[in-house]
Protein backbone atom coordinates (compact mmCIF):
# COMPACT_ATOMS: atom_id res chain seq x y z
CA MET A 1 84.81 108.17 56.24
CA ALA A 2 87.96 106.62 57.87
CA ILE A 3 89.91 103.90 55.87
CA THR A 4 89.63 100.72 58.38
CA THR A 5 91.36 97.23 58.65
CA THR A 6 89.66 94.10 58.88
CA TYR A 7 90.85 91.26 61.13
CA GLY A 8 88.74 88.01 62.65
CA GLY A 9 88.68 86.73 66.16
CA ILE A 10 86.56 85.24 68.52
CA GLN A 11 83.76 87.28 70.01
CA LEU A 12 83.72 86.65 74.06
CA GLY A 13 80.74 89.52 74.34
CA PRO A 14 79.44 93.03 72.65
CA ASN A 15 82.80 94.58 73.91
CA MET A 16 85.24 91.74 74.20
CA MET A 17 86.83 89.58 71.00
CA THR A 18 89.94 87.56 71.29
CA THR A 19 92.47 86.36 68.55
CA VAL A 20 95.99 85.62 67.57
CA TRP A 21 98.34 87.56 65.65
CA PRO A 22 101.94 87.76 64.92
CA ILE A 23 103.99 90.05 67.45
CA SER A 24 104.83 92.36 64.04
CA MET A 25 100.96 92.97 63.90
CA VAL A 26 100.84 93.68 67.81
CA ASP A 27 103.67 96.05 67.19
CA GLU A 28 101.70 98.09 64.21
CA ASN A 29 98.47 98.18 66.03
CA VAL A 30 99.42 99.68 69.71
CA VAL A 31 100.64 102.39 71.03
CA PRO A 32 103.87 101.81 72.96
CA GLY A 33 103.87 102.77 76.52
CA MET A 34 107.17 104.88 76.18
CA ALA A 35 105.16 107.20 74.47
CA PHE A 36 103.14 108.17 77.51
CA GLU A 37 106.79 108.80 79.25
CA PRO A 38 108.90 112.28 78.93
CA LYS A 39 110.04 112.80 75.95
CA GLU A 40 113.93 112.95 76.72
CA MET A 41 113.92 109.69 78.42
CA GLY A 42 112.99 108.19 75.14
CA GLU A 43 115.22 106.05 73.03
CA GLU A 44 112.73 107.06 69.69
CA THR A 45 110.32 109.75 69.08
CA TYR A 46 106.64 109.12 69.09
CA ASP A 47 105.40 112.32 67.72
CA HIS A 48 103.29 111.20 64.93
CA LEU A 49 101.34 109.50 67.84
CA ASP A 50 100.69 112.60 69.94
CA GLU A 51 97.08 113.40 69.02
CA ARG A 52 96.50 109.44 70.30
CA VAL A 53 98.68 109.54 73.38
CA LYS A 54 96.59 112.93 74.36
CA GLU A 55 93.89 110.53 73.80
CA LEU A 56 94.02 107.93 75.88
CA THR A 57 96.83 109.18 78.47
CA ASP A 58 93.86 109.18 81.51
CA ALA A 59 92.81 106.00 80.20
CA ARG A 60 96.75 104.50 80.64
CA GLY A 61 96.59 106.19 84.59
CA THR A 62 93.92 104.08 85.30
CA MET A 63 95.90 101.15 84.49
CA GLN A 64 99.39 101.10 83.50
CA ARG A 65 102.41 101.95 86.11
CA SER A 66 105.30 104.50 84.80
CA PHE A 67 108.41 103.22 83.50
CA PHE A 68 109.81 106.73 84.92
CA HIS A 69 109.50 108.90 88.34
CA ARG A 70 110.44 112.37 88.96
CA SER A 71 113.83 112.40 91.26
CA MET A 72 113.87 114.88 94.41
CA ARG A 73 116.32 116.01 97.09
CA THR A 74 115.48 118.14 100.22
CA VAL A 75 117.33 121.06 100.85
CA LYS A 76 117.94 123.35 103.76
CA VAL A 77 117.55 126.91 102.85
CA VAL A 78 117.29 129.80 105.18
CA ASN A 79 114.26 132.08 104.96
CA PRO A 80 115.04 135.31 104.53
CA GLU A 81 112.37 136.62 106.50
CA THR A 82 112.19 134.41 109.87
CA GLY A 83 115.92 133.68 109.84
CA LYS A 84 115.03 130.04 110.25
CA LYS A 85 115.74 126.66 107.99
CA GLU A 86 112.94 125.60 106.28
CA SER A 87 113.18 122.27 104.08
CA LYS A 88 112.69 122.84 100.41
CA ARG A 89 111.92 120.16 97.53
CA GLU A 90 114.04 120.62 93.96
CA ALA A 91 113.35 117.94 91.35
CA THR A 92 116.76 116.82 89.96
CA GLY A 93 115.51 114.75 86.85
CA TRP A 94 114.01 111.54 86.14
CA SER A 95 114.73 107.95 87.23
CA ALA A 96 113.83 104.74 86.18
CA THR A 97 111.00 102.92 87.84
CA ARG A 98 111.29 98.68 88.66
CA LYS A 99 109.18 98.48 85.86
CA TYR A 100 111.30 100.01 83.41
CA THR A 101 114.66 97.98 84.73
CA ASN A 102 112.51 94.76 84.32
CA ALA A 103 111.42 95.31 80.74
CA THR A 104 114.74 96.19 79.70
CA GLY A 105 116.86 93.82 81.52
CA ASP A 106 115.49 90.25 82.62
CA LEU A 107 112.21 90.34 80.73
CA GLN A 108 114.25 91.43 77.35
CA LYS A 109 116.73 88.70 78.13
CA TYR A 110 114.11 86.32 78.03
CA ILE A 111 112.43 87.34 75.19
CA GLU A 112 116.02 87.48 73.05
CA GLY A 113 116.91 83.46 74.93
CA PRO A 114 114.44 81.18 76.63
CA PHE A 115 111.38 82.53 74.63
CA LEU A 116 112.99 82.17 71.09
CA ASP A 117 114.57 78.96 71.89
CA ASN A 118 112.53 76.71 73.34
CA PRO A 119 109.09 74.97 72.66
CA PRO A 120 106.04 77.45 72.91
CA LEU A 121 105.04 74.80 76.29
CA GLN A 122 108.58 75.86 77.64
CA ALA A 123 108.29 79.14 77.23
CA MET A 124 105.47 81.70 76.39
CA LEU A 125 103.57 85.03 76.73
CA PRO A 126 100.86 85.70 78.71
CA PRO A 127 97.95 87.05 76.36
CA PHE A 128 98.16 91.16 75.50
CA ILE A 129 94.93 92.36 76.42
CA LEU A 130 94.51 95.94 74.44
CA TYR A 131 91.87 98.51 75.37
CA SER A 132 90.07 100.99 72.83
CA PRO A 133 87.67 103.65 73.97
CA GLU A 134 86.23 103.45 70.32
CA LEU A 135 83.45 100.39 69.89
CA LEU A 136 84.48 98.38 66.75
CA GLU A 137 82.04 97.53 64.56
CA GLY A 138 81.65 93.11 64.60
CA THR A 139 80.00 91.42 61.66
CA LYS A 140 79.40 87.89 62.57
CA GLN A 141 80.90 85.18 60.04
CA ASP A 142 78.07 82.51 59.41
CA GLU A 143 79.91 80.69 57.41
CA VAL A 144 82.56 80.01 59.98
CA GLN A 145 81.57 77.36 62.51
CA ALA A 146 84.18 78.36 65.19
CA LYS A 147 82.89 75.23 67.51
CA MET A 148 84.13 77.13 70.29
CA GLY A 149 82.03 79.01 72.40
CA GLY A 150 81.76 82.45 70.85
CA GLU A 151 81.06 82.57 67.37
CA PHE A 152 83.89 83.93 64.62
CA TYR A 153 83.49 87.60 63.67
CA THR A 154 85.16 90.29 61.79
CA PHE A 155 85.65 93.46 63.43
CA GLU A 156 86.41 97.20 61.46
CA HIS A 157 89.11 99.10 63.03
CA VAL A 158 90.92 102.42 62.09
CA PRO A 159 94.51 102.21 61.97
CA THR A 160 95.15 105.35 63.35
CA LYS A 161 93.07 104.80 65.96
CA LYS A 162 96.08 102.60 67.54
CA PHE A 163 94.97 100.45 70.70
CA MET A 164 96.35 101.17 74.19
CA ILE A 165 98.23 98.29 76.12
CA ALA A 166 95.87 97.27 78.86
CA ASP A 167 98.20 94.24 80.34
CA GLY A 168 101.72 93.83 78.41
CA GLU A 169 103.35 96.93 78.26
CA SER A 170 106.94 95.72 79.55
CA ARG A 171 106.52 92.50 77.31
CA HIS A 172 106.27 95.13 74.47
CA LEU A 173 108.73 97.57 75.53
CA ALA A 174 111.39 94.11 75.63
CA ILE A 175 110.51 93.31 72.10
CA GLN A 176 110.78 96.43 70.74
CA ARG A 177 114.18 96.35 72.43
CA ALA A 178 114.69 93.03 71.10
CA LEU A 179 113.93 94.34 67.42
CA SER A 180 115.83 96.75 67.43
CA PRO A 181 118.58 97.04 64.27
CA THR A 182 120.81 97.77 66.89
CA GLY A 183 120.06 94.87 69.26
CA ARG A 184 121.20 91.59 70.19
CA LEU A 185 119.23 89.65 67.39
CA SER A 186 120.44 88.27 64.00
CA GLY A 187 117.97 89.20 61.08
CA THR A 188 116.81 85.76 61.20
CA ARG A 189 116.11 85.42 65.01
CA ARG A 190 114.56 89.12 64.63
CA GLU A 191 112.08 87.83 61.89
CA LYS A 192 111.63 84.43 63.64
CA LEU A 193 110.29 87.02 66.89
CA LYS A 194 108.10 89.11 64.35
CA SER A 195 105.95 86.00 63.38
CA THR A 196 105.95 84.39 66.84
CA LEU A 197 102.15 83.88 67.19
CA VAL A 198 100.68 85.54 70.84
CA THR A 199 97.13 85.87 71.91
CA VAL A 200 95.27 88.61 72.09
CA VAL A 201 92.46 89.98 73.92
CA ILE A 202 90.87 93.60 72.62
CA ILE A 203 88.27 95.43 74.98
CA HIS A 204 86.66 98.31 73.51
CA GLY A 205 83.59 101.00 73.75
CA VAL A 206 84.62 100.18 77.59
CA ASP A 207 84.71 103.16 80.22
CA PRO A 208 88.51 104.13 80.93
CA LYS A 209 87.51 103.43 85.03
CA ALA A 210 85.80 100.18 84.22
CA MET A 211 88.98 98.97 82.34
CA GLY A 212 91.21 99.83 85.64
CA GLN A 213 88.25 98.02 88.25
CA MET A 214 89.56 94.97 85.37
CA PHE A 215 92.97 95.55 85.52
CA ALA A 216 92.61 95.83 89.17
CA ASP A 217 90.80 92.50 89.53
CA LEU A 218 93.65 90.74 87.08
CA ASN A 219 96.61 91.91 89.33
CA GLY A 220 95.22 92.31 92.54
CA LYS A 221 95.04 88.50 93.37
CA GLY A 222 98.71 87.86 92.99
CA VAL A 223 101.62 89.80 94.69
CA THR A 224 102.33 92.29 92.12
CA LEU A 225 100.09 94.39 92.58
CA GLY A 226 100.20 96.71 95.88
CA ALA A 227 97.48 97.84 98.32
CA SER A 228 97.62 101.14 97.47
CA GLU A 229 97.21 100.20 93.65
CA VAL A 230 94.24 98.36 94.07
CA ALA A 231 92.80 100.73 96.42
CA ALA A 232 93.31 103.44 93.52
CA LEU A 233 91.40 101.26 91.20
CA ASP A 234 88.87 99.95 93.27
CA ILE A 235 85.74 101.06 92.02
CA ARG A 236 83.48 98.74 94.01
CA ASP A 237 84.76 100.07 97.98
CA PRO A 238 82.36 103.13 98.54
CA TRP A 239 84.69 104.86 100.87
CA ALA A 240 87.77 104.09 98.14
CA ARG A 241 84.91 105.74 95.61
CA ALA A 242 84.31 108.48 97.81
CA THR A 243 87.71 109.44 98.73
CA LYS A 244 88.78 109.60 94.83
CA ASP A 245 85.57 111.96 94.32
CA ILE A 246 86.65 114.42 97.34
CA PHE A 247 89.86 114.90 96.37
CA GLU A 248 89.98 114.70 92.08
CA ASN A 249 86.92 117.48 92.66
CA LEU A 250 89.70 119.32 95.25
CA ARG A 251 92.73 118.59 92.41
CA VAL A 252 94.92 116.72 94.97
CA GLY A 253 96.77 113.63 93.26
CA LEU A 254 96.68 110.67 95.53
CA VAL A 255 99.84 108.19 95.77
CA THR A 256 98.94 105.12 94.35
CA THR A 257 101.86 102.51 94.70
CA GLY A 258 103.99 101.71 97.63
CA ARG A 259 103.10 103.06 101.14
CA GLN A 260 104.44 106.51 102.13
CA ALA A 261 104.48 109.40 99.74
CA GLY A 262 108.38 109.25 99.35
CA LEU A 263 110.31 112.17 97.08
CA VAL A 264 109.56 110.52 93.83
CA ALA A 265 105.62 110.80 94.71
CA GLN A 266 106.22 114.26 96.27
CA ALA A 267 107.96 115.60 92.95
CA GLU A 268 104.79 114.35 91.09
CA ASP A 269 102.93 116.67 93.61
CA LYS A 270 101.26 113.51 95.18
CA HIS A 271 101.45 114.19 98.73
CA LEU A 272 98.79 111.90 100.43
CA VAL A 273 99.12 108.03 99.95
CA ILE A 274 95.63 106.65 98.83
CA GLY A 275 95.53 104.47 101.80
CA GLN A 276 95.59 107.55 104.17
CA ALA A 277 93.27 109.34 102.16
CA ILE A 278 90.17 106.68 102.45
CA THR A 279 91.10 106.28 106.60
CA MET A 280 90.63 110.05 106.82
CA VAL A 281 87.56 110.15 104.73
CA ARG A 282 85.94 107.10 106.68
CA ALA A 283 87.11 109.12 109.83
CA LEU A 284 85.02 111.72 108.14
CA GLY A 285 82.35 109.70 107.69
CA THR A 286 82.05 107.88 111.13
CA GLY A 287 83.44 110.76 113.51
CA SER A 288 85.67 108.24 115.00
CA TYR A 289 89.06 107.53 114.55
CA SER A 290 88.81 103.52 115.76
CA LYS A 291 86.27 102.99 113.01
CA ALA A 292 88.31 104.78 110.45
CA VAL A 293 91.04 102.33 111.13
CA SER A 294 89.72 99.01 111.97
CA SER A 295 89.15 96.46 109.50
CA SER A 296 85.61 96.93 109.51
CA SER A 297 84.01 97.62 105.88
CA LEU A 298 81.94 100.36 107.61
CA VAL A 299 79.18 99.96 104.48
CA GLU A 300 76.71 100.55 106.45
CA GLU A 301 77.77 104.19 107.52
CA ILE A 302 77.71 104.80 103.47
CA ASN A 303 75.49 102.28 101.92
CA ASP A 304 72.66 104.68 100.29
CA ASP A 305 73.33 107.68 97.50
CA LYS A 306 72.01 110.36 100.58
CA LYS A 307 75.04 109.04 103.25
CA TYR A 308 77.60 109.22 100.31
CA ASN A 309 76.68 112.07 98.63
CA ARG A 310 76.61 114.05 101.88
CA ILE A 311 80.21 112.37 102.80
CA VAL A 312 81.32 113.68 99.63
CA GLN A 313 80.24 117.03 100.08
CA ALA A 314 81.24 117.39 103.64
CA GLY A 315 84.68 116.08 102.35
CA GLU A 316 84.96 118.53 99.73
CA HIS A 317 83.93 121.39 102.26
CA TRP A 318 85.99 120.54 105.12
CA PHE A 319 89.38 119.43 103.64
CA ASP A 320 89.31 122.40 101.17
CA LYS A 321 89.14 124.57 103.93
CA VAL A 322 92.07 122.54 105.51
CA LEU A 323 94.39 122.75 102.63
CA LYS A 324 93.76 126.75 102.61
CA ALA A 325 94.69 127.22 105.92
CA PHE A 326 98.02 125.95 104.93
CA ASP A 327 98.61 127.87 101.57
CA PRO A 328 100.71 130.74 103.31
CA VAL A 329 102.53 128.07 105.40
CA VAL A 330 103.47 125.77 102.09
CA GLY A 331 104.53 128.97 100.48
CA GLU A 332 103.85 130.34 96.70
CA GLY A 333 104.23 127.69 93.87
CA ASN A 334 103.60 125.02 96.13
CA SER A 335 100.74 122.55 96.31
CA PRO A 336 98.23 122.89 99.69
CA ALA A 337 98.68 119.67 99.84
CA SER A 338 102.32 119.23 100.38
CA ILE A 339 101.61 119.58 103.82
CA PHE A 340 101.07 116.40 104.15
CA THR A 341 104.74 115.66 103.49
CA HIS A 342 106.21 118.76 105.27
CA PRO A 343 109.35 117.55 107.50
CA ASP A 344 108.85 120.62 109.55
CA TYR A 345 104.77 120.32 110.40
CA VAL A 346 102.35 117.48 112.32
CA LEU A 347 100.19 116.81 109.54
CA LYS A 348 102.77 113.79 107.69
CA ALA A 349 101.91 112.01 110.89
CA MET A 350 99.00 109.49 110.59
CA PRO A 351 97.33 109.97 113.82
CA ILE A 352 97.11 113.81 113.03
CA LYS A 353 95.67 113.07 109.49
CA VAL A 354 92.60 110.81 110.87
CA ALA A 355 92.08 113.35 113.60
CA LEU A 356 91.63 116.09 110.89
CA GLY A 357 89.16 113.56 109.38
CA VAL A 358 87.24 113.34 112.56
CA MET A 359 86.68 117.22 112.79
CA GLY A 360 85.25 117.23 109.35
CA HIS A 361 82.22 115.00 110.74
CA ALA A 362 80.83 118.59 111.48
CA TRP A 363 80.18 118.86 108.57
CA VAL A 364 78.48 115.67 108.17
CA GLU A 365 76.22 116.41 110.67
CA THR A 366 75.73 120.26 109.95
CA ASN A 367 76.47 121.43 113.63
CA LEU A 368 77.81 124.81 113.01
CA PRO A 369 78.98 125.40 116.11
CA LEU A 370 81.37 122.74 116.20
CA GLN A 371 82.26 123.95 112.47
CA ALA A 372 83.32 127.37 113.46
CA GLU A 373 85.28 126.06 116.39
CA TYR A 374 87.24 123.59 114.44
CA LEU A 375 87.73 126.63 111.19
CA GLU A 376 89.12 128.80 114.19
CA SER A 377 91.11 125.77 115.06
CA LEU A 378 93.05 125.81 112.01
CA SER A 379 95.04 128.76 112.44
CA LYS A 380 94.91 128.42 116.57
CA ILE A 381 96.72 125.46 116.67
CA ASN A 382 100.62 125.23 116.22
CA TRP A 383 101.28 122.58 114.26
CA ARG A 384 104.70 122.93 113.76
CA VAL A 385 106.81 120.34 115.08
CA SER A 386 108.21 120.64 118.42
CA PRO A 387 108.11 119.03 122.01
CA ARG A 388 104.60 119.73 122.58
CA TRP A 389 103.41 117.28 120.19
CA ASN A 390 105.28 114.25 121.87
CA GLY A 391 103.03 111.45 122.30
CA ILE A 392 100.46 113.04 120.43
CA ALA A 393 101.61 113.24 116.71
CA GLY A 394 104.46 110.26 117.28
CA LYS A 395 107.99 110.84 118.97
CA VAL A 396 109.67 114.09 119.12
CA SER A 397 113.42 113.95 119.59
CA GLN A 398 115.86 117.30 119.11
CA ARG A 399 117.38 117.25 115.42
CA THR A 400 121.13 116.77 115.22
CA VAL A 401 123.98 117.21 112.45
CA SER A 402 127.05 115.19 112.59
CA THR A 403 130.18 117.24 112.71
CA LYS A 404 134.08 116.36 113.61
CA VAL A 405 135.36 117.20 116.97
CA ASP A 406 138.92 116.58 117.58
CA GLY A 407 139.18 114.30 114.98
CA LYS A 408 135.58 112.61 115.67
CA THR A 409 132.14 112.76 114.15
CA VAL A 410 129.75 113.10 116.81
CA LYS A 411 125.80 114.88 116.89
CA VAL A 412 125.17 118.04 117.47
CA PRO A 413 121.74 118.98 118.58
CA VAL A 414 120.20 121.99 116.10
CA SER A 415 118.43 124.49 118.38
CA GLY A 416 114.81 125.35 118.01
CA GLU A 417 114.67 121.87 115.10
CA TYR A 418 112.86 119.01 115.85
CA ASP A 419 112.59 115.43 113.95
CA LEU A 420 108.60 113.80 114.27
CA ALA A 421 108.84 109.77 114.49
CA ALA A 422 105.06 109.13 113.55
CA ALA A 423 103.00 106.71 115.18
CA SER A 424 100.12 104.67 113.97
CA ALA A 425 96.63 106.21 114.27
CA LYS A 426 95.60 102.96 116.44
CA GLU A 427 98.42 103.84 119.00
CA ILE A 428 97.60 107.47 119.66
CA GLY A 429 94.74 108.22 117.61
CA ALA A 430 92.81 108.91 120.65
CA ILE A 431 94.96 111.38 122.25
CA ALA A 432 95.07 112.99 118.61
CA VAL A 433 91.43 113.62 118.63
CA ARG A 434 91.56 114.80 121.61
CA ALA A 435 94.51 117.56 121.06
CA LEU A 436 92.33 118.92 118.01
CA THR A 437 89.04 118.96 119.45
CA ARG A 438 88.40 118.78 123.37
CA PRO A 439 88.88 122.06 125.16
CA ASN A 440 89.21 120.07 128.93
CA THR A 441 91.95 118.24 127.74
CA GLN A 442 95.80 118.84 128.34
CA ALA A 443 96.47 117.48 124.41
CA TYR A 444 94.25 120.39 123.47
CA ARG A 445 95.96 123.34 125.42
CA LEU A 446 99.10 121.84 125.12
CA VAL A 447 99.46 122.51 121.25
CA ARG A 448 97.96 125.66 121.30
CA GLY A 449 100.28 127.33 124.18
CA LEU A 450 97.65 127.50 126.80
CA PRO A 451 98.29 126.64 130.46
CA THR A 452 97.77 123.02 131.52
CA ASP A 453 97.33 123.51 135.15
CA GLY A 454 94.71 122.00 136.67
CA VAL A 455 93.85 120.04 133.76
CA SER A 456 93.64 116.68 133.08
CA ASP A 457 93.03 113.79 130.09
CA ASP A 458 91.00 111.41 131.30
CA VAL A 459 90.91 108.49 127.98
CA GLN A 460 87.84 106.56 128.78
CA ASN A 461 85.59 109.89 129.48
CA GLU A 462 86.63 111.56 126.76
CA GLY A 463 86.26 108.40 123.82
CA ASP A 464 87.75 108.73 120.43
CA THR A 465 85.42 111.07 118.63
CA ALA A 466 84.72 114.68 118.06
CA ALA A 467 82.60 116.85 121.11
């Protein structure tokens, strides 16, 4: 039987308790956030916590942002087979996130200064919210009358099963650095910080996804959590839930911070922002780009298990076909999903992403002729950025490079290379859908390199849905 530690607190429910600990006790009972980060970035080693870190890594991913991200750069290399220049991404190490910069900067200064120097009501820390996937055993203490709504319990905790910090990682890192023997605090001030009491809320025996929802609720009402992060943690929106089910099953990582898949995200093999992915799945489920990009919840389109499962299964089938079709393009060793950020291909444009989702509706309806047509389109369409995509995927312009001419810097066009400034799906989504799905339109024939003589586009008659 494992040796346990006993401590007391007020039970708020079968899976939640609150108590008051000195900061030293918090430090003794938690896995520091830095233990989950790349080992070469830490100022101290956490090898003794490896087993617990492994147990908690997935849960940490649903609740916490990282202290460090991969650094990346894009370079141009010549393909030896084609002789053409292609974009290649290279990892250049790790870079600190705003979370780390804040924890080791302003927050640490606050801990070392105002927090220690001012009375509690003038300088304080929010409660530490700790998480344990294991259910703690509690015993009610009848002789102690809390008289505060909840009753006093004692809880048994196995010390090796340290808690994960669900909320308060940055504060804990700032405190750790302040308490370091190499820090600026004198010995007496370090002891004062260790003995300072803080409120602790412990949630135990709860599924990590539910904890993620709690974290979204806790932070999503303010301004510190972005829309993508809220969407990533949201388990109430069926479209968000279906999107995560689809891309998790396809092993496609989604970007849950920021508004685009930047170089940092790409270095972590994440090429789709979750908001974009949700819009793609909404397009697949409804078969309409205008519905997909609308502000409507569209709950009626996915409001029962049968509809939900059909959309998830269709999404897995179609997007799997899309990814496999571009395996040769992205090259060996690269994730197929990197086609969604590849600078030389139009799949990086949101109108094209949504139009691909609309095509997937054929798998929701089980329309076999359309399925065969769309699968063929994956190989028939020329997906490289070129003038033919101008006004369909966005604005296409000749790629230029800066060079010196007579001592002056001028921009010189690069033959055969083009840049795409993507437009929103709301602006040109209907045209993108026609280009991918409507054989009797100019857009359709343009992107396949077919003659367009005598073919006209009729926006009103064609609509925004797949054929």
